[in-house]
Amino acid sequence: FHLVHCPTEDMIADILTKPLQGPQFFKLRALVLGNAV
């Protein structure tokens, strides 16, 4: 494996750890569901 730093705003797993609101929720929802790559 290779360990790489990811900016918090692009951390997809963030939606699995906290009750996000606003644009960040919709951005990560699209990523976690695969509607965006």
PDB file of all heavy atoms in Angstrom:
ATOM      1  N   PHE A   1       0.831  -1.194   0.000  1.00  0.00           N
ATOM      2  CA  PHE A   1       0.000   0.000   0.000  1.00  0.00           C
ATOM      3  C   PHE A   1       0.869   1.249   0.000  1.00  0.00           C
ATOM      4  O   PHE A   1       2.029   1.211   0.426  1.00  0.00           O
ATOM      5  CB  PHE A   1      -0.919   0.041   1.227  1.00  0.00           C
ATOM      6  CG  PHE A   1      -1.814  -1.158   1.372  1.00  0.00           C
ATOM      7  CD1 PHE A   1      -1.988  -1.764   2.609  1.00  0.00           C
ATOM      8  CD2 PHE A   1      -2.466  -1.695   0.283  1.00  0.00           C
ATOM      9  CE1 PHE A   1      -2.807  -2.861   2.752  1.00  0.00           C
ATOM     10  CE2 PHE A   1      -3.281  -2.799   0.400  1.00  0.00           C
ATOM     11  CZ  PHE A   1      -3.456  -3.386   1.645  1.00  0.00           C
ATOM     12  N   HIS A   2       0.292   2.345  -0.462  1.00  0.00           N
ATOM     13  CA  HIS A   2       0.953   3.650  -0.412  1.00  0.00           C
ATOM     14  C   HIS A   2       0.043   4.608   0.342  1.00  0.00           C
ATOM     15  O   HIS A   2      -1.147   4.704   0.035  1.00  0.00           O
ATOM     16  CB  HIS A   2       1.230   4.177  -1.826  1.00  0.00           C
ATOM     17  CG  HIS A   2       2.144   3.304  -2.618  1.00  0.00           C
ATOM     18  ND1 HIS A   2       3.511   3.398  -2.550  1.00  0.00           N
ATOM     19  CD2 HIS A   2       1.877   2.292  -3.483  1.00  0.00           C
ATOM     20  CE1 HIS A   2       4.059   2.488  -3.348  1.00  0.00           C
ATOM     21  NE2 HIS A   2       3.083   1.817  -3.929  1.00  0.00           N
ATOM     22  N   LEU A   3       0.601   5.308   1.314  1.00  0.00           N
ATOM     23  CA  LEU A   3      -0.172   6.225   2.142  1.00  0.00           C
ATOM     24  C   LEU A   3       0.017   7.642   1.636  1.00  0.00           C
ATOM     25  O   LEU A   3       1.141   8.131   1.538  1.00  0.00           O
ATOM     26  CB  LEU A   3       0.272   6.106   3.605  1.00  0.00           C
ATOM     27  CG  LEU A   3      -0.532   6.867   4.648  1.00  0.00           C
ATOM     28  CD1 LEU A   3      -1.987   6.417   4.653  1.00  0.00           C
ATOM     29  CD2 LEU A   3       0.086   6.657   6.034  1.00  0.00           C
ATOM     30  N   VAL A   4      -1.092   8.299   1.301  1.00  0.00           N
ATOM     31  CA  VAL A   4      -1.049   9.629   0.685  1.00  0.00           C
ATOM     32  C   VAL A   4      -1.940  10.588   1.464  1.00  0.00           C
ATOM     33  O   VAL A   4      -3.039  10.210   1.896  1.00  0.00           O
ATOM     34  CB  VAL A   4      -1.520   9.551  -0.791  1.00  0.00           C
ATOM     35  CG1 VAL A   4      -1.575  10.940  -1.408  1.00  0.00           C
ATOM     36  CG2 VAL A   4      -0.611   8.632  -1.594  1.00  0.00           C
ATOM     37  N   HIS A   5      -1.466  11.817   1.633  1.00  0.00           N
ATOM     38  CA  HIS A   5      -2.282  12.820   2.315  1.00  0.00           C
ATOM     39  C   HIS A   5      -3.388  13.303   1.395  1.00  0.00           C
ATOM     40  O   HIS A   5      -3.182  13.538   0.202  1.00  0.00           O
ATOM     41  CB  HIS A   5      -1.425  14.011   2.752  1.00  0.00           C
ATOM     42  CG  HIS A   5      -2.213  15.094   3.418  1.00  0.00           C
ATOM     43  ND1 HIS A   5      -2.613  16.239   2.756  1.00  0.00           N
ATOM     44  CD2 HIS A   5      -2.695  15.197   4.684  1.00  0.00           C
ATOM     45  CE1 HIS A   5      -3.311  16.993   3.580  1.00  0.00           C
ATOM     46  NE2 HIS A   5      -3.363  16.396   4.757  1.00  0.00           N
ATOM     47  N   CYS A   6      -4.583  13.450   1.970  1.00  0.00           N
ATOM     48  CA  CYS A   6      -5.749  13.928   1.225  1.00  0.00           C
ATOM     49  C   CYS A   6      -6.317  15.144   1.953  1.00  0.00           C
ATOM     50  O   CYS A   6      -6.558  15.085   3.162  1.00  0.00           O
ATOM     51  CB  CYS A   6      -6.803  12.815   1.130  1.00  0.00           C
ATOM     52  SG  CYS A   6      -8.363  13.334   0.380  1.00  0.00           S
ATOM     53  N   PRO A   7      -6.556  16.252   1.270  1.00  0.00           N
ATOM     54  CA  PRO A   7      -7.171  17.419   1.932  1.00  0.00           C
ATOM     55  C   PRO A   7      -8.531  17.055   2.529  1.00  0.00           C
ATOM     56  O   PRO A   7      -9.268  16.251   1.954  1.00  0.00           O
ATOM     57  CB  PRO A   7      -7.324  18.433   0.779  1.00  0.00           C
ATOM     58  CG  PRO A   7      -6.333  17.994  -0.247  1.00  0.00           C
ATOM     59  CD  PRO A   7      -6.248  16.500  -0.143  1.00  0.00           C
ATOM     60  N   THR A   8      -8.847  17.634   3.663  1.00  0.00           N
ATOM     61  CA  THR A   8     -10.097  17.295   4.360  1.00  0.00           C
ATOM     62  C   THR A   8     -11.318  17.510   3.485  1.00  0.00           C
ATOM     63  O   THR A   8     -12.267  16.721   3.526  1.00  0.00           O
ATOM     64  CB  THR A   8     -10.216  18.143   5.646  1.00  0.00           C
ATOM     65  OG1 THR A   8      -9.095  17.859   6.490  1.00  0.00           O
ATOM     66  CG2 THR A   8     -11.500  17.819   6.393  1.00  0.00           C
ATOM     67  N   GLU A   9     -11.311  18.563   2.657  1.00  0.00           N
ATOM     68  CA  GLU A   9     -12.478  18.840   1.820  1.00  0.00           C
ATOM     69  C   GLU A   9     -12.707  17.773   0.748  1.00  0.00           C
ATOM     70  O   GLU A   9     -13.802  17.676   0.185  1.00  0.00           O
ATOM     71  CB  GLU A   9     -12.364  20.221   1.163  1.00  0.00           C
ATOM     72  CG  GLU A   9     -11.153  20.408   0.275  1.00  0.00           C
ATOM     73  CD  GLU A   9      -9.939  20.959   1.005  1.00  0.00           C
ATOM     74  OE1 GLU A   9      -9.899  20.858   2.252  1.00  0.00           O
ATOM     75  OE2 GLU A   9      -9.037  21.492   0.324  1.00  0.00           O
ATOM     76  N   ASP A  10     -11.678  16.951   0.476  1.00  0.00           N
ATOM     77  CA  ASP A  10     -11.813  15.881  -0.517  1.00  0.00           C
ATOM     78  C   ASP A  10     -11.860  14.492   0.120  1.00  0.00           C
ATOM     79  O   ASP A  10     -11.854  13.486  -0.590  1.00  0.00           O
ATOM     80  CB  ASP A  10     -10.642  15.928  -1.510  1.00  0.00           C
ATOM     81  CG  ASP A  10     -10.632  17.216  -2.320  1.00  0.00           C
ATOM     82  OD1 ASP A  10     -11.731  17.711  -2.653  1.00  0.00           O
ATOM     83  OD2 ASP A  10      -9.536  17.732  -2.605  1.00  0.00           O
ATOM     84  N   MET A  11     -11.883  14.452   1.455  1.00  0.00           N
ATOM     85  CA  MET A  11     -11.893  13.165   2.161  1.00  0.00           C
ATOM     86  C   MET A  11     -13.300  12.567   2.115  1.00  0.00           C
ATOM     87  O   MET A  11     -14.199  12.967   2.855  1.00  0.00           O
ATOM     88  CB  MET A  11     -11.426  13.374   3.607  1.00  0.00           C
ATOM     89  CG  MET A  11     -11.555  12.129   4.507  1.00  0.00           C
ATOM     90  SD  MET A  11     -10.861  10.600   3.836  1.00  0.00           S
ATOM     91  CE  MET A  11      -9.126  11.013   3.777  1.00  0.00           C
ATOM     92  N   ILE A  12     -13.500  11.574   1.240  1.00  0.00           N
ATOM     93  CA  ILE A  12     -14.826  10.997   1.026  1.00  0.00           C
ATOM     94  C   ILE A  12     -15.369  10.363   2.303  1.00  0.00           C
ATOM     95  O   ILE A  12     -16.562  10.442   2.601  1.00  0.00           O
ATOM     96  CB  ILE A  12     -14.781   9.963  -0.120  1.00  0.00           C
ATOM     97  CG1 ILE A  12     -14.247  10.625  -1.396  1.00  0.00           C
ATOM     98  CG2 ILE A  12     -16.154   9.370  -0.367  1.00  0.00           C
ATOM     99  CD1 ILE A  12     -14.061   9.668  -2.556  1.00  0.00           C
ATOM    100  N   ALA A  13     -14.485   9.736   3.096  1.00  0.00           N
ATOM    101  CA  ALA A  13     -14.930   9.056   4.316  1.00  0.00           C
ATOM    102  C   ALA A  13     -15.451  10.026   5.365  1.00  0.00           C
ATOM    103  O   ALA A  13     -16.048   9.604   6.355  1.00  0.00           O
ATOM    104  CB  ALA A  13     -13.792   8.222   4.902  1.00  0.00           C
ATOM    105  N   ASP A  14     -15.271  11.336   5.137  1.00  0.00           N
ATOM    106  CA  ASP A  14     -15.756  12.340   6.093  1.00  0.00           C
ATOM    107  C   ASP A  14     -17.272  12.261   6.253  1.00  0.00           C
ATOM    108  O   ASP A  14     -17.806  12.515   7.326  1.00  0.00           O
ATOM    109  CB  ASP A  14     -15.345  13.732   5.616  1.00  0.00           C
ATOM    110  CG  ASP A  14     -15.254  14.731   6.753  1.00  0.00           C
ATOM    111  OD1 ASP A  14     -14.870  14.329   7.861  1.00  0.00           O
ATOM    112  OD2 ASP A  14     -15.564  15.921   6.537  1.00  0.00           O
ATOM    113  N   ILE A  15     -17.981  11.892   5.189  1.00  0.00           N
ATOM    114  CA  ILE A  15     -19.439  11.802   5.250  1.00  0.00           C
ATOM    115  C   ILE A  15     -19.897  10.608   6.084  1.00  0.00           C
ATOM    116  O   ILE A  15     -21.056  10.534   6.501  1.00  0.00           O
ATOM    117  CB  ILE A  15     -20.027  11.710   3.815  1.00  0.00           C
ATOM    118  CG1 ILE A  15     -21.512  12.078   3.817  1.00  0.00           C
ATOM    119  CG2 ILE A  15     -19.795  10.323   3.220  1.00  0.00           C
ATOM    120  CD1 ILE A  15     -22.118  12.170   2.431  1.00  0.00           C
ATOM    121  N   LEU A  16     -18.974   9.693   6.380  1.00  0.00           N
ATOM    122  CA  LEU A  16     -19.287   8.517   7.187  1.00  0.00           C
ATOM    123  C   LEU A  16     -18.992   8.738   8.673  1.00  0.00           C
ATOM    124  O   LEU A  16     -19.254   7.853   9.492  1.00  0.00           O
ATOM    125  CB  LEU A  16     -18.485   7.310   6.694  1.00  0.00           C
ATOM    126  CG  LEU A  16     -18.678   6.932   5.224  1.00  0.00           C
ATOM    127  CD1 LEU A  16     -17.686   5.827   4.824  1.00  0.00           C
ATOM    128  CD2 LEU A  16     -20.100   6.472   4.960  1.00  0.00           C
ATOM    129  N   THR A  17     -18.446   9.917   9.015  1.00  0.00           N
ATOM    130  CA  THR A  17     -18.014  10.138  10.399  1.00  0.00           C
ATOM    131  C   THR A  17     -18.692  11.297  11.104  1.00  0.00           C
ATOM    132  O   THR A  17     -18.571  11.428  12.316  1.00  0.00           O
ATOM    133  CB  THR A  17     -16.492  10.390  10.469  1.00  0.00           C
ATOM    134  OG1 THR A  17     -16.194  11.640   9.815  1.00  0.00           O
ATOM    135  CG2 THR A  17     -15.719   9.274   9.799  1.00  0.00           C
ATOM    136  N   LYS A  18     -19.410  12.139  10.366  1.00  0.00           N
ATOM    137  CA  LYS A  18     -20.024  13.309  11.003  1.00  0.00           C
ATOM    138  C   LYS A  18     -21.253  13.778  10.238  1.00  0.00           C
ATOM    139  O   LYS A  18     -21.379  13.517   9.037  1.00  0.00           O
ATOM    140  CB  LYS A  18     -19.008  14.452  11.130  1.00  0.00           C
ATOM    141  CG  LYS A  18     -18.342  14.844   9.827  1.00  0.00           C
ATOM    142  CD  LYS A  18     -17.333  15.972  10.046  1.00  0.00           C
ATOM    143  CE  LYS A  18     -16.134  15.559  10.840  1.00  0.00           C
ATOM    144  NZ  LYS A  18     -15.229  14.642  10.126  1.00  0.00           N
ATOM    145  N   PRO A  19     -22.161  14.460  10.920  1.00  0.00           N
ATOM    146  CA  PRO A  19     -23.389  14.957  10.276  1.00  0.00           C
ATOM    147  C   PRO A  19     -23.126  16.232   9.481  1.00  0.00           C
ATOM    148  O   PRO A  19     -23.391  17.348   9.944  1.00  0.00           O
ATOM    149  CB  PRO A  19     -24.323  15.209  11.468  1.00  0.00           C
ATOM    150  CG  PRO A  19     -23.411  15.505  12.609  1.00  0.00           C
ATOM    151  CD  PRO A  19     -22.182  14.679  12.383  1.00  0.00           C
ATOM    152  N   LEU A  20     -22.618  16.094   8.291  1.00  0.00           N
ATOM    153  CA  LEU A  20     -22.283  17.246   7.459  1.00  0.00           C
ATOM    154  C   LEU A  20     -23.539  17.973   6.987  1.00  0.00           C
ATOM    155  O   LEU A  20     -24.614  17.379   6.859  1.00  0.00           O
ATOM    156  CB  LEU A  20     -21.467  16.793   6.247  1.00  0.00           C
ATOM    157  CG  LEU A  20     -20.105  16.166   6.532  1.00  0.00           C
ATOM    158  CD1 LEU A  20     -19.497  15.631   5.239  1.00  0.00           C
ATOM    159  CD2 LEU A  20     -19.159  17.175   7.176  1.00  0.00           C
ATOM    160  N   GLN A  21     -23.375  19.250   6.686  1.00  0.00           N
ATOM    161  CA  GLN A  21     -24.457  20.078   6.163  1.00  0.00           C
ATOM    162  C   GLN A  21     -23.922  20.892   4.984  1.00  0.00           C
ATOM    163  O   GLN A  21     -22.720  21.011   4.779  1.00  0.00           O
ATOM    164  CB  GLN A  21     -24.979  21.035   7.246  1.00  0.00           C
ATOM    165  CG  GLN A  21     -25.417  20.360   8.531  1.00  0.00           C
ATOM    166  CD  GLN A  21     -26.808  19.778   8.448  1.00  0.00           C
ATOM    167  OE1 GLN A  21     -27.732  20.442   8.022  1.00  0.00           O
ATOM    168  NE2 GLN A  21     -26.963  18.534   8.864  1.00  0.00           N
ATOM    169  N   GLY A  22     -24.829  21.463   4.212  1.00  0.00           N
ATOM    170  CA  GLY A  22     -24.460  22.398   3.162  1.00  0.00           C
ATOM    171  C   GLY A  22     -23.780  21.774   1.961  1.00  0.00           C
ATOM    172  O   GLY A  22     -23.874  20.562   1.714  1.00  0.00           O
ATOM    173  N   PRO A  23     -23.049  22.590   1.178  1.00  0.00           N
ATOM    174  CA  PRO A  23     -22.417  22.134  -0.072  1.00  0.00           C
ATOM    175  C   PRO A  23     -21.471  20.955   0.117  1.00  0.00           C
ATOM    176  O   PRO A  23     -21.362  20.101  -0.767  1.00  0.00           O
ATOM    177  CB  PRO A  23     -21.657  23.376  -0.553  1.00  0.00           C
ATOM    178  CG  PRO A  23     -22.378  24.528   0.063  1.00  0.00           C
ATOM    179  CD  PRO A  23     -22.853  24.035   1.392  1.00  0.00           C
ATOM    180  N   GLN A  24     -20.777  20.905   1.274  1.00  0.00           N
ATOM    181  CA  GLN A  24     -19.843  19.810   1.505  1.00  0.00           C
ATOM    182  C   GLN A  24     -20.556  18.465   1.568  1.00  0.00           C
ATOM    183  O   GLN A  24     -20.037  17.455   1.082  1.00  0.00           O
ATOM    184  CB  GLN A  24     -19.046  20.046   2.797  1.00  0.00           C
ATOM    185  CG  GLN A  24     -17.957  19.029   3.076  1.00  0.00           C
ATOM    186  CD  GLN A  24     -16.798  19.095   2.084  1.00  0.00           C
ATOM    187  OE1 GLN A  24     -16.779  19.929   1.178  1.00  0.00           O
ATOM    188  NE2 GLN A  24     -15.833  18.210   2.254  1.00  0.00           N
ATOM    189  N   PHE A  25     -21.751  18.442   2.152  1.00  0.00           N
ATOM    190  CA  PHE A  25     -22.530  17.198   2.202  1.00  0.00           C
ATOM    191  C   PHE A  25     -22.877  16.723   0.800  1.00  0.00           C
ATOM    192  O   PHE A  25     -22.706  15.550   0.473  1.00  0.00           O
ATOM    193  CB  PHE A  25     -23.804  17.401   3.022  1.00  0.00           C
ATOM    194  CG  PHE A  25     -24.762  16.230   2.940  1.00  0.00           C
ATOM    195  CD1 PHE A  25     -24.527  15.076   3.664  1.00  0.00           C
ATOM    196  CD2 PHE A  25     -25.876  16.297   2.119  1.00  0.00           C
ATOM    197  CE1 PHE A  25     -25.390  13.990   3.572  1.00  0.00           C
ATOM    198  CE2 PHE A  25     -26.757  15.222   2.020  1.00  0.00           C
ATOM    199  CZ  PHE A  25     -26.510  14.066   2.748  1.00  0.00           C
ATOM    200  N   PHE A  26     -23.353  17.636  -0.035  1.00  0.00           N
ATOM    201  CA  PHE A  26     -23.766  17.248  -1.391  1.00  0.00           C
ATOM    202  C   PHE A  26     -22.561  16.837  -2.249  1.00  0.00           C
ATOM    203  O   PHE A  26     -22.657  15.925  -3.068  1.00  0.00           O
ATOM    204  CB  PHE A  26     -24.526  18.399  -2.052  1.00  0.00           C
ATOM    205  CG  PHE A  26     -25.812  18.734  -1.353  1.00  0.00           C
ATOM    206  CD1 PHE A  26     -25.965  19.948  -0.719  1.00  0.00           C
ATOM    207  CD2 PHE A  26     -26.859  17.825  -1.299  1.00  0.00           C
ATOM    208  CE1 PHE A  26     -27.142  20.265  -0.055  1.00  0.00           C
ATOM    209  CE2 PHE A  26     -28.038  18.124  -0.633  1.00  0.00           C
ATOM    210  CZ  PHE A  26     -28.186  19.347  -0.010  1.00  0.00           C
ATOM    211  N   LYS A  27     -21.426  17.502  -2.029  1.00  0.00           N
ATOM    212  CA  LYS A  27     -20.210  17.137  -2.765  1.00  0.00           C
ATOM    213  C   LYS A  27     -19.762  15.717  -2.412  1.00  0.00           C
ATOM    214  O   LYS A  27     -19.513  14.890  -3.296  1.00  0.00           O
ATOM    215  CB  LYS A  27     -19.087  18.134  -2.443  1.00  0.00           C
ATOM    216  CG  LYS A  27     -17.733  17.731  -3.009  1.00  0.00           C
ATOM    217  CD  LYS A  27     -16.633  18.660  -2.526  1.00  0.00           C
ATOM    218  CE  LYS A  27     -15.257  18.180  -2.980  1.00  0.00           C
ATOM    219  NZ  LYS A  27     -14.172  19.087  -2.527  1.00  0.00           N
ATOM    220  N   LEU A  28     -19.679  15.430  -1.092  1.00  0.00           N
ATOM    221  CA  LEU A  28     -19.218  14.111  -0.667  1.00  0.00           C
ATOM    222  C   LEU A  28     -20.272  13.035  -0.920  1.00  0.00           C
ATOM    223  O   LEU A  28     -19.926  11.868  -1.132  1.00  0.00           O
ATOM    224  CB  LEU A  28     -18.830  14.144   0.810  1.00  0.00           C
ATOM    225  CG  LEU A  28     -17.634  15.033   1.162  1.00  0.00           C
ATOM    226  CD1 LEU A  28     -17.255  14.873   2.624  1.00  0.00           C
ATOM    227  CD2 LEU A  28     -16.431  14.708   0.276  1.00  0.00           C
ATOM    228  N   ARG A  29     -21.550  13.400  -0.912  1.00  0.00           N
ATOM    229  CA  ARG A  29     -22.592  12.425  -1.248  1.00  0.00           C
ATOM    230  C   ARG A  29     -22.425  11.947  -2.683  1.00  0.00           C
ATOM    231  O   ARG A  29     -22.538  10.750  -2.962  1.00  0.00           O
ATOM    232  CB  ARG A  29     -23.984  13.034  -1.055  1.00  0.00           C
ATOM    233  CG  ARG A  29     -25.112  12.051  -1.326  1.00  0.00           C
ATOM    234  CD  ARG A  29     -26.485  12.674  -1.142  1.00  0.00           C
ATOM    235  NE  ARG A  29     -26.796  13.619  -2.225  1.00  0.00           N
ATOM    236  CZ  ARG A  29     -27.965  14.267  -2.317  1.00  0.00           C
ATOM    237  NH1 ARG A  29     -28.902  14.110  -1.373  1.00  0.00           N
ATOM    238  NH2 ARG A  29     -28.179  15.099  -3.310  1.00  0.00           N
ATOM    239  N   ALA A  30     -22.149  12.877  -3.583  1.00  0.00           N
ATOM    240  CA  ALA A  30     -21.938  12.500  -4.984  1.00  0.00           C
ATOM    241  C   ALA A  30     -20.738  11.572  -5.129  1.00  0.00           C
ATOM    242  O   ALA A  30     -20.748  10.631  -5.931  1.00  0.00           O
ATOM    243  CB  ALA A  30     -21.743  13.750  -5.838  1.00  0.00           C
ATOM    244  N   LEU A  31     -19.704  11.811  -4.322  1.00  0.00           N
ATOM    245  CA  LEU A  31     -18.493  10.983  -4.402  1.00  0.00           C
ATOM    246  C   LEU A  31     -18.708   9.615  -3.766  1.00  0.00           C
ATOM    247  O   LEU A  31     -18.309   8.591  -4.315  1.00  0.00           O
ATOM    248  CB  LEU A  31     -17.332  11.694  -3.711  1.00  0.00           C
ATOM    249  CG  LEU A  31     -16.764  12.908  -4.455  1.00  0.00           C
ATOM    250  CD1 LEU A  31     -15.811  13.701  -3.559  1.00  0.00           C
ATOM    251  CD2 LEU A  31     -16.052  12.474  -5.734  1.00  0.00           C
ATOM    252  N   VAL A  32     -19.348   9.569  -2.578  1.00  0.00           N
ATOM    253  CA  VAL A  32     -19.513   8.293  -1.893  1.00  0.00           C
ATOM    254  C   VAL A  32     -20.474   7.384  -2.651  1.00  0.00           C
ATOM    255  O   VAL A  32     -20.344   6.139  -2.624  1.00  0.00           O
ATOM    256  CB  VAL A  32     -19.985   8.507  -0.431  1.00  0.00           C
ATOM    257  CG1 VAL A  32     -21.477   8.808  -0.357  1.00  0.00           C
ATOM    258  CG2 VAL A  32     -19.649   7.300   0.425  1.00  0.00           C
ATOM    259  N   LEU A  33     -21.443   7.967  -3.360  1.00  0.00           N
ATOM    260  CA  LEU A  33     -22.376   7.175  -4.145  1.00  0.00           C
ATOM    261  C   LEU A  33     -21.825   6.832  -5.527  1.00  0.00           C
ATOM    262  O   LEU A  33     -22.400   5.987  -6.232  1.00  0.00           O
ATOM    263  CB  LEU A  33     -23.711   7.914  -4.302  1.00  0.00           C
ATOM    264  CG  LEU A  33     -24.538   8.099  -3.020  1.00  0.00           C
ATOM    265  CD1 LEU A  33     -25.799   8.900  -3.323  1.00  0.00           C
ATOM    266  CD2 LEU A  33     -24.915   6.744  -2.414  1.00  0.00           C
ATOM    267  N   GLY A  34     -20.746   7.477  -5.921  1.00  0.00           N
ATOM    268  CA  GLY A  34     -20.157   7.173  -7.217  1.00  0.00           C
ATOM    269  C   GLY A  34     -20.728   7.976  -8.356  1.00  0.00           C
ATOM    270  O   GLY A  34     -20.414   7.717  -9.525  1.00  0.00           O
ATOM    271  N   ASN A  35     -21.560   8.983  -8.062  1.00  0.00           N
ATOM    272  CA  ASN A  35     -22.088   9.841  -9.117  1.00  0.00           C
ATOM    273  C   ASN A  35     -21.039  10.810  -9.620  1.00  0.00           C
ATOM    274  O   ASN A  35     -21.209  11.439 -10.659  1.00  0.00           O
ATOM    275  CB  ASN A  35     -23.309  10.620  -8.607  1.00  0.00           C
ATOM    276  CG  ASN A  35     -24.461   9.689  -8.237  1.00  0.00           C
ATOM    277  OD1 ASN A  35     -24.713   8.730  -8.948  1.00  0.00           O
ATOM    278  ND2 ASN A  35     -25.120   9.956  -7.120  1.00  0.00           N
ATOM    279  N   ALA A  36     -19.939  10.933  -8.865  1.00  0.00           N
ATOM    280  CA  ALA A  36     -18.783  11.699  -9.277  1.00  0.00           C
ATOM    281  C   ALA A  36     -17.553  10.845  -8.984  1.00  0.00           C
ATOM    282  O   ALA A  36     -17.532  10.061  -8.049  1.00  0.00           O
ATOM    283  CB  ALA A  36     -18.700  13.030  -8.541  1.00  0.00           C
ATOM    284  N   VAL A  37     -16.528  10.981  -9.806  1.00  0.00           N
ATOM    285  CA  VAL A  37     -15.294  10.216  -9.628  1.00  0.00           C
ATOM    286  C   VAL A  37     -14.186  11.190  -9.230  1.00  0.00           C
ATOM    287  O   VAL A  37     -13.993  12.207  -9.896  1.00  0.00           O
ATOM    288  CB  VAL A  37     -14.891   9.474 -10.931  1.00  0.00           C
ATOM    289  CG1 VAL A  37     -13.583   8.712 -10.732  1.00  0.00           C
ATOM    290  CG2 VAL A  37     -15.995   8.527 -11.345  1.00  0.00           C
TER     291      VAL A  37
END
